[in-house]
Amino acid sequence: MESIYAALLLHKAGGKINETNVEKVLTAAGAKIDKDQIVKLIAGLKQTDIEDIIKSAGSAPVIAAPAGEVIEKKEEKKKKEEEPEEEEPTGIGSLF
């Protein structure tokens, strides 16, 4: 999970997201380095755009949202929870 945070930090700072830079961020933070996870992360990011991942991560309802919208979102969440599980994700999704 730490490698994902490192990649997000590099992205936000405008740095290049690669194995070396992710390892540098993790080292600077004093985190444990899992090279296998970093390799999987970089491979997954090559297959998709990190901005798309951030946008699709979802967000909490806005406090100023009308009550009906918040209720609808909660109902949608309940429906999603009731749906049968899908196949295991591949690529970047397998890290979560």
Protein backbone atom coordinates (compact mmCIF):
# COMPACT_ATOMS: atom_id res chain seq x y z
CA MET A 1 0.00 0.00 0.00
CA GLU A 2 2.88 2.33 0.74
CA SER A 3 4.10 2.02 -2.84
CA ILE A 4 0.72 3.29 -4.06
CA TYR A 5 1.03 6.30 -1.77
CA ALA A 6 4.53 6.92 -3.10
CA ALA A 7 3.25 6.79 -6.68
CA LEU A 8 0.45 9.22 -5.84
CA LEU A 9 2.93 11.57 -4.20
CA LEU A 10 5.22 11.43 -7.23
CA HIS A 11 2.24 12.08 -9.50
CA LYS A 12 1.09 15.07 -7.45
CA ALA A 13 4.62 16.49 -7.39
CA GLY A 14 4.97 16.04 -11.15
CA GLY A 15 7.73 13.47 -10.85
CA LYS A 16 8.23 10.46 -13.06
CA ILE A 17 6.65 7.33 -11.61
CA ASN A 18 9.13 4.49 -11.98
CA GLU A 19 10.60 1.80 -9.74
CA THR A 20 13.63 3.84 -8.76
CA ASN A 21 11.64 6.92 -7.76
CA VAL A 22 9.05 4.93 -5.83
CA GLU A 23 11.87 3.20 -3.93
CA LYS A 24 13.47 6.59 -3.17
CA VAL A 25 10.21 7.95 -1.75
CA LEU A 26 9.69 4.84 0.37
CA THR A 27 13.28 4.96 1.64
CA ALA A 28 12.93 8.64 2.52
CA ALA A 29 9.73 7.86 4.42
CA GLY A 30 11.36 4.98 6.27
CA ALA A 31 8.89 2.48 4.83
CA LYS A 32 9.56 -1.15 4.02
CA ILE A 33 10.34 -1.73 0.35
CA ASP A 34 8.55 -4.60 -1.37
CA LYS A 35 10.15 -4.78 -4.82
CA ASP A 36 7.57 -7.27 -6.15
CA GLN A 37 4.73 -4.92 -5.25
CA ILE A 38 6.54 -1.96 -6.82
CA VAL A 39 7.07 -3.91 -10.06
CA LYS A 40 3.36 -4.81 -10.15
CA LEU A 41 2.39 -1.21 -9.45
CA ILE A 42 4.55 0.21 -12.24
CA ALA A 43 3.29 -2.44 -14.68
CA GLY A 44 -0.30 -1.64 -13.75
CA LEU A 45 0.24 2.08 -14.19
CA LYS A 46 1.65 1.51 -17.67
CA GLN A 47 -1.70 -0.05 -18.65
CA THR A 48 -3.82 2.85 -17.41
CA ASP A 49 -3.79 6.55 -16.62
CA ILE A 50 -3.31 7.43 -12.95
CA GLU A 51 -5.77 10.32 -13.31
CA ASP A 52 -8.48 7.84 -14.36
CA ILE A 53 -7.74 5.75 -11.27
CA ILE A 54 -7.99 8.78 -9.01
CA LYS A 55 -11.27 9.89 -10.57
CA SER A 56 -12.79 6.41 -10.37
CA ALA A 57 -11.77 5.96 -6.73
CA GLY A 58 -15.04 7.59 -5.76
CA SER A 59 -15.72 10.34 -3.34
CA ALA A 60 -17.91 10.89 -0.34
CA PRO A 61 -21.09 12.83 -0.86
CA VAL A 62 -20.57 16.57 -0.66
CA ILE A 63 -21.91 18.06 2.57
CA ALA A 64 -23.79 20.76 0.69
CA ALA A 65 -25.56 18.19 -1.52
CA PRO A 66 -29.35 18.10 -1.33
CA ALA A 67 -30.60 15.35 0.99
CA GLY A 68 -32.16 13.41 -1.89
CA GLU A 69 -28.79 13.01 -3.61
CA VAL A 70 -27.16 11.67 -0.45
CA ILE A 71 -29.97 9.15 0.03
CA GLU A 72 -29.67 8.06 -3.60
CA LYS A 73 -25.94 7.50 -3.19
CA LYS A 74 -26.52 5.40 -0.07
CA GLU A 75 -29.14 3.33 -1.92
CA GLU A 76 -26.74 2.82 -4.83
CA LYS A 77 -24.07 1.69 -2.38
CA LYS A 78 -26.47 -0.84 -0.83
CA LYS A 79 -27.33 -2.19 -4.29
CA LYS A 80 -23.64 -2.58 -5.10
CA GLU A 81 -23.06 -4.45 -1.85
CA GLU A 82 -25.88 -6.86 -2.71
CA GLU A 83 -24.49 -7.65 -6.17
CA PRO A 84 -22.45 -10.85 -6.49
CA GLU A 85 -18.71 -10.42 -6.44
CA GLU A 86 -16.98 -9.97 -9.74
CA GLU A 87 -13.78 -11.54 -10.95
CA GLU A 88 -10.60 -10.60 -9.17
CA PRO A 89 -9.10 -7.44 -10.65
CA THR A 90 -5.93 -7.60 -12.67
CA GLY A 91 -3.25 -5.00 -13.23
CA ILE A 92 -3.27 -2.06 -10.82
CA GLY A 93 -6.57 -3.18 -9.26
CA SER A 94 -4.97 -6.34 -7.90
CA LEU A 95 -2.89 -4.27 -5.48
CA PHE A 96 -5.91 -3.04 -3.53
